[in-house]
Amino acid sequence: TYDNAARNGVADQIEAYLPEDQPE
């Protein structure tokens, strides 16, 4: 997800988490 976000120029708009790390 992070690699493809950078490829599309949207890396600063996306966050990706494992379930145990996800924010509320």
mmCIF file of all heavy atoms, coordinates in Angstrom:
data_MODEL
# 
_entry.id   MODEL 
# 
loop_
_atom_site.group_PDB 
_atom_site.id 
_atom_site.type_symbol 
_atom_site.label_atom_id 
_atom_site.label_alt_id 
_atom_site.label_comp_id 
_atom_site.label_asym_id 
_atom_site.label_entity_id 
_atom_site.label_seq_id 
_atom_site.pdbx_PDB_ins_code 
_atom_site.Cartn_x 
_atom_site.Cartn_y 
_atom_site.Cartn_z 
_atom_site.occupancy 
_atom_site.B_iso_or_equiv 
_atom_site.pdbx_formal_charge 
_atom_site.auth_seq_id 
_atom_site.auth_comp_id 
_atom_site.auth_asym_id 
_atom_site.auth_atom_id 
_atom_site.pdbx_PDB_model_num 
ATOM 1   N N   . THR A 1 1  ? 0.830   -1.208 0.000  1.00 0.00 ? 1  THR A N   1 
ATOM 2   C CA  . THR A 1 1  ? 0.000   0.000  0.000  1.00 0.00 ? 1  THR A CA  1 
ATOM 3   C C   . THR A 1 1  ? 0.859   1.250  0.000  1.00 0.00 ? 1  THR A C   1 
ATOM 4   O O   . THR A 1 1  ? 0.625   2.193  -0.773 1.00 0.00 ? 1  THR A O   1 
ATOM 5   C CB  . THR A 1 1  ? -0.934  -0.013 1.219  1.00 0.00 ? 1  THR A CB  1 
ATOM 6   O OG1 . THR A 1 1  ? -1.874  -1.084 1.075  1.00 0.00 ? 1  THR A OG1 1 
ATOM 7   C CG2 . THR A 1 1  ? -1.689  1.299  1.356  1.00 0.00 ? 1  THR A CG2 1 
ATOM 8   N N   . TYR A 1 2  ? 1.872   1.280  0.844  1.00 0.00 ? 2  TYR A N   1 
ATOM 9   C CA  . TYR A 1 2  ? 2.756   2.454  0.886  1.00 0.00 ? 2  TYR A CA  1 
ATOM 10  C C   . TYR A 1 2  ? 3.542   2.605  -0.419 1.00 0.00 ? 2  TYR A C   1 
ATOM 11  O O   . TYR A 1 2  ? 3.718   3.719  -0.928 1.00 0.00 ? 2  TYR A O   1 
ATOM 12  C CB  . TYR A 1 2  ? 3.710   2.359  2.074  1.00 0.00 ? 2  TYR A CB  1 
ATOM 13  C CG  . TYR A 1 2  ? 3.079   2.773  3.387  1.00 0.00 ? 2  TYR A CG  1 
ATOM 14  C CD1 . TYR A 1 2  ? 3.155   1.952  4.512  1.00 0.00 ? 2  TYR A CD1 1 
ATOM 15  C CD2 . TYR A 1 2  ? 2.422   3.987  3.505  1.00 0.00 ? 2  TYR A CD2 1 
ATOM 16  C CE1 . TYR A 1 2  ? 2.574   2.328  5.724  1.00 0.00 ? 2  TYR A CE1 1 
ATOM 17  C CE2 . TYR A 1 2  ? 1.835   4.373  4.714  1.00 0.00 ? 2  TYR A CE2 1 
ATOM 18  C CZ  . TYR A 1 2  ? 1.919   3.546  5.815  1.00 0.00 ? 2  TYR A CZ  1 
ATOM 19  O OH  . TYR A 1 2  ? 1.346   3.915  6.992  1.00 0.00 ? 2  TYR A OH  1 
ATOM 20  N N   . ASP A 1 3  ? 4.011   1.493  -0.987 1.00 0.00 ? 3  ASP A N   1 
ATOM 21  C CA  . ASP A 1 3  ? 4.757   1.560  -2.246 1.00 0.00 ? 3  ASP A CA  1 
ATOM 22  C C   . ASP A 1 3  ? 3.884   2.120  -3.370 1.00 0.00 ? 3  ASP A C   1 
ATOM 23  O O   . ASP A 1 3  ? 4.315   2.995  -4.138 1.00 0.00 ? 3  ASP A O   1 
ATOM 24  C CB  . ASP A 1 3  ? 5.270   0.171  -2.645 1.00 0.00 ? 3  ASP A CB  1 
ATOM 25  C CG  . ASP A 1 3  ? 6.423   -0.299 -1.775 1.00 0.00 ? 3  ASP A CG  1 
ATOM 26  O OD1 . ASP A 1 3  ? 7.008   0.543  -1.063 1.00 0.00 ? 3  ASP A OD1 1 
ATOM 27  O OD2 . ASP A 1 3  ? 6.730   -1.500 -1.808 1.00 0.00 ? 3  ASP A OD2 1 
ATOM 28  N N   . ASN A 1 4  ? 2.662   1.615  -3.478 1.00 0.00 ? 4  ASN A N   1 
ATOM 29  C CA  . ASN A 1 4  ? 1.776   2.085  -4.537 1.00 0.00 ? 4  ASN A CA  1 
ATOM 30  C C   . ASN A 1 4  ? 1.295   3.509  -4.296 1.00 0.00 ? 4  ASN A C   1 
ATOM 31  O O   . ASN A 1 4  ? 1.083   4.269  -5.245 1.00 0.00 ? 4  ASN A O   1 
ATOM 32  C CB  . ASN A 1 4  ? 0.587   1.133  -4.678 1.00 0.00 ? 4  ASN A CB  1 
ATOM 33  C CG  . ASN A 1 4  ? 0.963   -0.152 -5.393 1.00 0.00 ? 4  ASN A CG  1 
ATOM 34  O OD1 . ASN A 1 4  ? 1.605   -0.119 -6.442 1.00 0.00 ? 4  ASN A OD1 1 
ATOM 35  N ND2 . ASN A 1 4  ? 0.580   -1.287 -4.825 1.00 0.00 ? 4  ASN A ND2 1 
ATOM 36  N N   . ALA A 1 5  ? 1.136   3.899  -3.029 1.00 0.00 ? 5  ALA A N   1 
ATOM 37  C CA  . ALA A 1 5  ? 0.766   5.287  -2.734 1.00 0.00 ? 5  ALA A CA  1 
ATOM 38  C C   . ALA A 1 5  ? 1.869   6.241  -3.179 1.00 0.00 ? 5  ALA A C   1 
ATOM 39  O O   . ALA A 1 5  ? 1.600   7.293  -3.779 1.00 0.00 ? 5  ALA A O   1 
ATOM 40  C CB  . ALA A 1 5  ? 0.498   5.446  -1.240 1.00 0.00 ? 5  ALA A CB  1 
ATOM 41  N N   . ALA A 1 6  ? 3.123   5.886  -2.912 1.00 0.00 ? 6  ALA A N   1 
ATOM 42  C CA  . ALA A 1 6  ? 4.245   6.723  -3.356 1.00 0.00 ? 6  ALA A CA  1 
ATOM 43  C C   . ALA A 1 6  ? 4.292   6.785  -4.879 1.00 0.00 ? 6  ALA A C   1 
ATOM 44  O O   . ALA A 1 6  ? 4.563   7.847  -5.466 1.00 0.00 ? 6  ALA A O   1 
ATOM 45  C CB  . ALA A 1 6  ? 5.553   6.163  -2.803 1.00 0.00 ? 6  ALA A CB  1 
ATOM 46  N N   . ARG A 1 7  ? 4.023   5.655  -5.526 1.00 0.00 ? 7  ARG A N   1 
ATOM 47  C CA  . ARG A 1 7  ? 4.039   5.599  -6.996 1.00 0.00 ? 7  ARG A CA  1 
ATOM 48  C C   . ARG A 1 7  ? 2.998   6.550  -7.590 1.00 0.00 ? 7  ARG A C   1 
ATOM 49  O O   . ARG A 1 7  ? 3.156   7.058  -8.703 1.00 0.00 ? 7  ARG A O   1 
ATOM 50  C CB  . ARG A 1 7  ? 3.785   4.160  -7.435 1.00 0.00 ? 7  ARG A CB  1 
ATOM 51  C CG  . ARG A 1 7  ? 3.902   3.895  -8.908 1.00 0.00 ? 7  ARG A CG  1 
ATOM 52  C CD  . ARG A 1 7  ? 3.832   2.405  -9.196 1.00 0.00 ? 7  ARG A CD  1 
ATOM 53  N NE  . ARG A 1 7  ? 5.060   1.730  -8.787 1.00 0.00 ? 7  ARG A NE  1 
ATOM 54  C CZ  . ARG A 1 7  ? 5.173   0.903  -7.763 1.00 0.00 ? 7  ARG A CZ  1 
ATOM 55  N NH1 . ARG A 1 7  ? 4.110   0.651  -7.013 1.00 0.00 ? 7  ARG A NH1 1 
ATOM 56  N NH2 . ARG A 1 7  ? 6.310   0.332  -7.458 1.00 0.00 ? 7  ARG A NH2 1 
ATOM 57  N N   . ASN A 1 8  ? 1.911   6.766  -6.846 1.00 0.00 ? 8  ASN A N   1 
ATOM 58  C CA  . ASN A 1 8  ? 0.820   7.612  -7.334 1.00 0.00 ? 8  ASN A CA  1 
ATOM 59  C C   . ASN A 1 8  ? 0.840   9.021  -6.760 1.00 0.00 ? 8  ASN A C   1 
ATOM 60  O O   . ASN A 1 8  ? -0.100  9.792  -6.979 1.00 0.00 ? 8  ASN A O   1 
ATOM 61  C CB  . ASN A 1 8  ? -0.521  6.941  -7.026 1.00 0.00 ? 8  ASN A CB  1 
ATOM 62  C CG  . ASN A 1 8  ? -0.807  5.770  -7.941 1.00 0.00 ? 8  ASN A CG  1 
ATOM 63  O OD1 . ASN A 1 8  ? -1.353  5.945  -9.024 1.00 0.00 ? 8  ASN A OD1 1 
ATOM 64  N ND2 . ASN A 1 8  ? -0.432  4.570  -7.516 1.00 0.00 ? 8  ASN A ND2 1 
ATOM 65  N N   . GLY A 1 9  ? 1.868   9.354  -6.009 1.00 0.00 ? 9  GLY A N   1 
ATOM 66  C CA  . GLY A 1 9  ? 1.989   10.706 -5.479 1.00 0.00 ? 9  GLY A CA  1 
ATOM 67  C C   . GLY A 1 9  ? 1.005   11.044 -4.390 1.00 0.00 ? 9  GLY A C   1 
ATOM 68  O O   . GLY A 1 9  ? 0.693   12.223 -4.179 1.00 0.00 ? 9  GLY A O   1 
ATOM 69  N N   . VAL A 1 10 ? 0.509   10.022 -3.663 1.00 0.00 ? 10 VAL A N   1 
ATOM 70  C CA  . VAL A 1 10 ? -0.466  10.286 -2.596 1.00 0.00 ? 10 VAL A CA  1 
ATOM 71  C C   . VAL A 1 10 ? 0.013   9.742  -1.254 1.00 0.00 ? 10 VAL A C   1 
ATOM 72  O O   . VAL A 1 10 ? -0.786  9.509  -0.344 1.00 0.00 ? 10 VAL A O   1 
ATOM 73  C CB  . VAL A 1 10 ? -1.852  9.685  -2.954 1.00 0.00 ? 10 VAL A CB  1 
ATOM 74  C CG1 . VAL A 1 10 ? -2.448  10.392 -4.169 1.00 0.00 ? 10 VAL A CG1 1 
ATOM 75  C CG2 . VAL A 1 10 ? -1.753  8.174  -3.179 1.00 0.00 ? 10 VAL A CG2 1 
ATOM 76  N N   . ALA A 1 11 ? 1.320   9.550  -1.114 1.00 0.00 ? 11 ALA A N   1 
ATOM 77  C CA  . ALA A 1 11 ? 1.856   8.937  0.100  1.00 0.00 ? 11 ALA A CA  1 
ATOM 78  C C   . ALA A 1 11 ? 1.554   9.763  1.343  1.00 0.00 ? 11 ALA A C   1 
ATOM 79  O O   . ALA A 1 11 ? 1.425   9.212  2.450  1.00 0.00 ? 11 ALA A O   1 
ATOM 80  C CB  . ALA A 1 11 ? 3.363   8.729  -0.039 1.00 0.00 ? 11 ALA A CB  1 
ATOM 81  N N   . ASP A 1 12 ? 1.423   11.082 1.189  1.00 0.00 ? 12 ASP A N   1 
ATOM 82  C CA  . ASP A 1 12 ? 1.161   11.929 2.353  1.00 0.00 ? 12 ASP A CA  1 
ATOM 83  C C   . ASP A 1 12 ? -0.309  11.933 2.759  1.00 0.00 ? 12 ASP A C   1 
ATOM 84  O O   . ASP A 1 12 ? -0.678  12.547 3.762  1.00 0.00 ? 12 ASP A O   1 
ATOM 85  C CB  . ASP A 1 12 ? 1.626   13.361 2.069  1.00 0.00 ? 12 ASP A CB  1 
ATOM 86  C CG  . ASP A 1 12 ? 0.919   13.988 0.880  1.00 0.00 ? 12 ASP A CG  1 
ATOM 87  O OD1 . ASP A 1 12 ? 0.393   13.235 0.015  1.00 0.00 ? 12 ASP A OD1 1 
ATOM 88  O OD2 . ASP A 1 12 ? 0.900   15.227 0.781  1.00 0.00 ? 12 ASP A OD2 1 
ATOM 89  N N   . GLN A 1 13 ? -1.160  11.218 2.007  1.00 0.00 ? 13 GLN A N   1 
ATOM 90  C CA  . GLN A 1 13 ? -2.593  11.211 2.307  1.00 0.00 ? 13 GLN A CA  1 
ATOM 91  C C   . GLN A 1 13 ? -3.092  9.840  2.779  1.00 0.00 ? 13 GLN A C   1 
ATOM 92  O O   . GLN A 1 13 ? -4.285  9.683  3.032  1.00 0.00 ? 13 GLN A O   1 
ATOM 93  C CB  . GLN A 1 13 ? -3.389  11.609 1.057  1.00 0.00 ? 13 GLN A CB  1 
ATOM 94  C CG  . GLN A 1 13 ? -3.143  13.027 0.575  1.00 0.00 ? 13 GLN A CG  1 
ATOM 95  C CD  . GLN A 1 13 ? -3.812  13.260 -0.774 1.00 0.00 ? 13 GLN A CD  1 
ATOM 96  O OE1 . GLN A 1 13 ? -3.202  13.120 -1.821 1.00 0.00 ? 13 GLN A OE1 1 
ATOM 97  N NE2 . GLN A 1 13 ? -5.094  13.605 -0.736 1.00 0.00 ? 13 GLN A NE2 1 
ATOM 98  N N   . ILE A 1 14 ? -2.182  8.890  2.886  1.00 0.00 ? 14 ILE A N   1 
ATOM 99  C CA  . ILE A 1 14 ? -2.619  7.537  3.229  1.00 0.00 ? 14 ILE A CA  1 
ATOM 100 C C   . ILE A 1 14 ? -1.823  6.997  4.411  1.00 0.00 ? 14 ILE A C   1 
ATOM 101 O O   . ILE A 1 14 ? -0.628  7.262  4.553  1.00 0.00 ? 14 ILE A O   1 
ATOM 102 C CB  . ILE A 1 14 ? -2.482  6.601  2.000  1.00 0.00 ? 14 ILE A CB  1 
ATOM 103 C CG1 . ILE A 1 14 ? -3.274  5.312  2.212  1.00 0.00 ? 14 ILE A CG1 1 
ATOM 104 C CG2 . ILE A 1 14 ? -1.028  6.294  1.667  1.00 0.00 ? 14 ILE A CG2 1 
ATOM 105 C CD1 . ILE A 1 14 ? -3.492  4.520  0.930  1.00 0.00 ? 14 ILE A CD1 1 
ATOM 106 N N   . GLU A 1 15 ? -2.520  6.281  5.284  1.00 0.00 ? 15 GLU A N   1 
ATOM 107 C CA  . GLU A 1 15 ? -1.905  5.587  6.408  1.00 0.00 ? 15 GLU A CA  1 
ATOM 108 C C   . GLU A 1 15 ? -2.373  4.136  6.359  1.00 0.00 ? 15 GLU A C   1 
ATOM 109 O O   . GLU A 1 15 ? -3.530  3.869  6.027  1.00 0.00 ? 15 GLU A O   1 
ATOM 110 C CB  . GLU A 1 15 ? -2.343  6.215  7.734  1.00 0.00 ? 15 GLU A CB  1 
ATOM 111 C CG  . GLU A 1 15 ? -2.082  7.711  7.838  1.00 0.00 ? 15 GLU A CG  1 
ATOM 112 C CD  . GLU A 1 15 ? -2.943  8.356  8.905  1.00 0.00 ? 15 GLU A CD  1 
ATOM 113 O OE1 . GLU A 1 15 ? -3.107  7.729  9.978  1.00 0.00 ? 15 GLU A OE1 1 
ATOM 114 O OE2 . GLU A 1 15 ? -3.474  9.450  8.666  1.00 0.00 ? 15 GLU A OE2 1 
ATOM 115 N N   . ALA A 1 16 ? -1.493  3.212  6.679  1.00 0.00 ? 16 ALA A N   1 
ATOM 116 C CA  . ALA A 1 16 ? -1.858  1.795  6.653  1.00 0.00 ? 16 ALA A CA  1 
ATOM 117 C C   . ALA A 1 16 ? -1.418  1.135  7.956  1.00 0.00 ? 16 ALA A C   1 
ATOM 118 O O   . ALA A 1 16 ? -0.303  1.375  8.432  1.00 0.00 ? 16 ALA A O   1 
ATOM 119 C CB  . ALA A 1 16 ? -1.223  1.098  5.454  1.00 0.00 ? 16 ALA A CB  1 
ATOM 120 N N   . TYR A 1 17 ? -2.294  0.306  8.501  1.00 0.00 ? 17 TYR A N   1 
ATOM 121 C CA  . TYR A 1 17 ? -2.057  -0.268 9.825  1.00 0.00 ? 17 TYR A CA  1 
ATOM 122 C C   . TYR A 1 17 ? -2.420  -1.745 9.858  1.00 0.00 ? 17 TYR A C   1 
ATOM 123 O O   . TYR A 1 17 ? -3.366  -2.192 9.183  1.00 0.00 ? 17 TYR A O   1 
ATOM 124 C CB  . TYR A 1 17 ? -2.917  0.432  10.884 1.00 0.00 ? 17 TYR A CB  1 
ATOM 125 C CG  . TYR A 1 17 ? -2.675  1.909  11.025 1.00 0.00 ? 17 TYR A CG  1 
ATOM 126 C CD1 . TYR A 1 17 ? -3.488  2.829  10.351 1.00 0.00 ? 17 TYR A CD1 1 
ATOM 127 C CD2 . TYR A 1 17 ? -1.665  2.397  11.847 1.00 0.00 ? 17 TYR A CD2 1 
ATOM 128 C CE1 . TYR A 1 17 ? -3.288  4.195  10.494 1.00 0.00 ? 17 TYR A CE1 1 
ATOM 129 C CE2 . TYR A 1 17 ? -1.461  3.760  11.992 1.00 0.00 ? 17 TYR A CE2 1 
ATOM 130 C CZ  . TYR A 1 17 ? -2.266  4.657  11.313 1.00 0.00 ? 17 TYR A CZ  1 
ATOM 131 O OH  . TYR A 1 17 ? -2.067  6.007  11.449 1.00 0.00 ? 17 TYR A OH  1 
ATOM 132 N N   . LEU A 1 18 ? -1.697  -2.496 10.682 1.00 0.00 ? 18 LEU A N   1 
ATOM 133 C CA  . LEU A 1 18 ? -2.173  -3.789 11.117 1.00 0.00 ? 18 LEU A CA  1 
ATOM 134 C C   . LEU A 1 18 ? -3.294  -3.565 12.139 1.00 0.00 ? 18 LEU A C   1 
ATOM 135 O O   . LEU A 1 18 ? -3.331  -2.514 12.794 1.00 0.00 ? 18 LEU A O   1 
ATOM 136 C CB  . LEU A 1 18 ? -1.037  -4.586 11.757 1.00 0.00 ? 18 LEU A CB  1 
ATOM 137 C CG  . LEU A 1 18 ? 0.129   -4.947 10.824 1.00 0.00 ? 18 LEU A CG  1 
ATOM 138 C CD1 . LEU A 1 18 ? 1.285   -5.521 11.638 1.00 0.00 ? 18 LEU A CD1 1 
ATOM 139 C CD2 . LEU A 1 18 ? -0.316  -5.925 9.752  1.00 0.00 ? 18 LEU A CD2 1 
ATOM 140 N N   . PRO A 1 19 ? -4.224  -4.513 12.299 1.00 0.00 ? 19 PRO A N   1 
ATOM 141 C CA  . PRO A 1 19 ? -5.360  -4.285 13.196 1.00 0.00 ? 19 PRO A CA  1 
ATOM 142 C C   . PRO A 1 19 ? -4.972  -3.879 14.614 1.00 0.00 ? 19 PRO A C   1 
ATOM 143 O O   . PRO A 1 19 ? -5.639  -3.032 15.226 1.00 0.00 ? 19 PRO A O   1 
ATOM 144 C CB  . PRO A 1 19 ? -6.090  -5.631 13.181 1.00 0.00 ? 19 PRO A CB  1 
ATOM 145 C CG  . PRO A 1 19 ? -5.770  -6.204 11.852 1.00 0.00 ? 19 PRO A CG  1 
ATOM 146 C CD  . PRO A 1 19 ? -4.353  -5.790 11.571 1.00 0.00 ? 19 PRO A CD  1 
ATOM 147 N N   . GLU A 1 20 ? -3.882  -4.453 15.128 1.00 0.00 ? 20 GLU A N   1 
ATOM 148 C CA  . GLU A 1 20 ? -3.494  -4.123 16.503 1.00 0.00 ? 20 GLU A CA  1 
ATOM 149 C C   . GLU A 1 20 ? -2.944  -2.705 16.643 1.00 0.00 ? 20 GLU A C   1 
ATOM 150 O O   . GLU A 1 20 ? -2.826  -2.188 17.764 1.00 0.00 ? 20 GLU A O   1 
ATOM 151 C CB  . GLU A 1 20 ? -2.462  -5.123 17.025 1.00 0.00 ? 20 GLU A CB  1 
ATOM 152 C CG  . GLU A 1 20 ? -1.181  -5.203 16.203 1.00 0.00 ? 20 GLU A CG  1 
ATOM 153 C CD  . GLU A 1 20 ? -1.208  -6.275 15.144 1.00 0.00 ? 20 GLU A CD  1 
ATOM 154 O OE1 . GLU A 1 20 ? -2.328  -6.607 14.681 1.00 0.00 ? 20 GLU A OE1 1 
ATOM 155 O OE2 . GLU A 1 20 ? -0.136  -6.789 14.788 1.00 0.00 ? 20 GLU A OE2 1 
ATOM 156 N N   . ASP A 1 21 ? -2.624  -2.064 15.518 1.00 0.00 ? 21 ASP A N   1 
ATOM 157 C CA  . ASP A 1 21 ? -2.048  -0.715 15.555 1.00 0.00 ? 21 ASP A CA  1 
ATOM 158 C C   . ASP A 1 21 ? -3.012  0.371  15.103 1.00 0.00 ? 21 ASP A C   1 
ATOM 159 O O   . ASP A 1 21 ? -2.676  1.557  15.166 1.00 0.00 ? 21 ASP A O   1 
ATOM 160 C CB  . ASP A 1 21 ? -0.799  -0.657 14.656 1.00 0.00 ? 21 ASP A CB  1 
ATOM 161 C CG  . ASP A 1 21 ? 0.275   -1.637 15.079 1.00 0.00 ? 21 ASP A CG  1 
ATOM 162 O OD1 . ASP A 1 21 ? 0.408   -1.859 16.296 1.00 0.00 ? 21 ASP A OD1 1 
ATOM 163 O OD2 . ASP A 1 21 ? 0.968   -2.182 14.203 1.00 0.00 ? 21 ASP A OD2 1 
ATOM 164 N N   . GLN A 1 22 ? -4.180  -0.004 14.641 1.00 0.00 ? 22 GLN A N   1 
ATOM 165 C CA  . GLN A 1 22 ? -5.079  0.976  14.018 1.00 0.00 ? 22 GLN A CA  1 
ATOM 166 C C   . GLN A 1 22 ? -5.573  1.997  15.045 1.00 0.00 ? 22 GLN A C   1 
ATOM 167 O O   . GLN A 1 22 ? -5.855  1.663  16.192 1.00 0.00 ? 22 GLN A O   1 
ATOM 168 C CB  . GLN A 1 22 ? -6.267  0.271  13.373 1.00 0.00 ? 22 GLN A CB  1 
ATOM 169 C CG  . GLN A 1 22 ? -7.189  -0.416 14.367 1.00 0.00 ? 22 GLN A CG  1 
ATOM 170 C CD  . GLN A 1 22 ? -8.150  -1.380 13.717 1.00 0.00 ? 22 GLN A CD  1 
ATOM 171 O OE1 . GLN A 1 22 ? -7.823  -2.046 12.746 1.00 0.00 ? 22 GLN A OE1 1 
ATOM 172 N NE2 . GLN A 1 22 ? -9.358  -1.463 14.252 1.00 0.00 ? 22 GLN A NE2 1 
ATOM 173 N N   . PRO A 1 23 ? -5.666  3.253  14.631 1.00 0.00 ? 23 PRO A N   1 
ATOM 174 C CA  . PRO A 1 23 ? -6.166  4.294  15.545 1.00 0.00 ? 23 PRO A CA  1 
ATOM 175 C C   . PRO A 1 23 ? -7.687  4.259  15.632 1.00 0.00 ? 23 PRO A C   1 
ATOM 176 O O   . PRO A 1 23 ? -8.359  3.609  14.831 1.00 0.00 ? 23 PRO A O   1 
ATOM 177 C CB  . PRO A 1 23 ? -5.693  5.584  14.864 1.00 0.00 ? 23 PRO A CB  1 
ATOM 178 C CG  . PRO A 1 23 ? -5.665  5.243  13.407 1.00 0.00 ? 23 PRO A CG  1 
ATOM 179 C CD  . PRO A 1 23 ? -5.256  3.794  13.323 1.00 0.00 ? 23 PRO A CD  1 
ATOM 180 N N   . GLU A 1 24 ? -8.217  4.967  16.604 1.00 0.00 ? 24 GLU A N   1 
ATOM 181 C CA  . GLU A 1 24 ? -9.671  5.113  16.716 1.00 0.00 ? 24 GLU A CA  1 
ATOM 182 C C   . GLU A 1 24 ? -10.095 6.368  15.981 1.00 0.00 ? 24 GLU A C   1 
ATOM 183 O O   . GLU A 1 24 ? -9.557  7.451  16.210 1.00 0.00 ? 24 GLU A O   1 
ATOM 184 C CB  . GLU A 1 24 ? -10.088 5.198  18.186 1.00 0.00 ? 24 GLU A CB  1 
ATOM 185 C CG  . GLU A 1 24 ? -9.879  3.897  18.960 1.00 0.00 ? 24 GLU A CG  1 
ATOM 186 C CD  . GLU A 1 24 ? -10.440 3.977  20.368 1.00 0.00 ? 24 GLU A CD  1 
ATOM 187 O OE1 . GLU A 1 24 ? -11.141 4.978  20.659 1.00 0.00 ? 24 GLU A OE1 1 
ATOM 188 O OE2 . GLU A 1 24 ? -10.181 3.068  21.161 1.00 0.00 ? 24 GLU A OE2 1 
# 
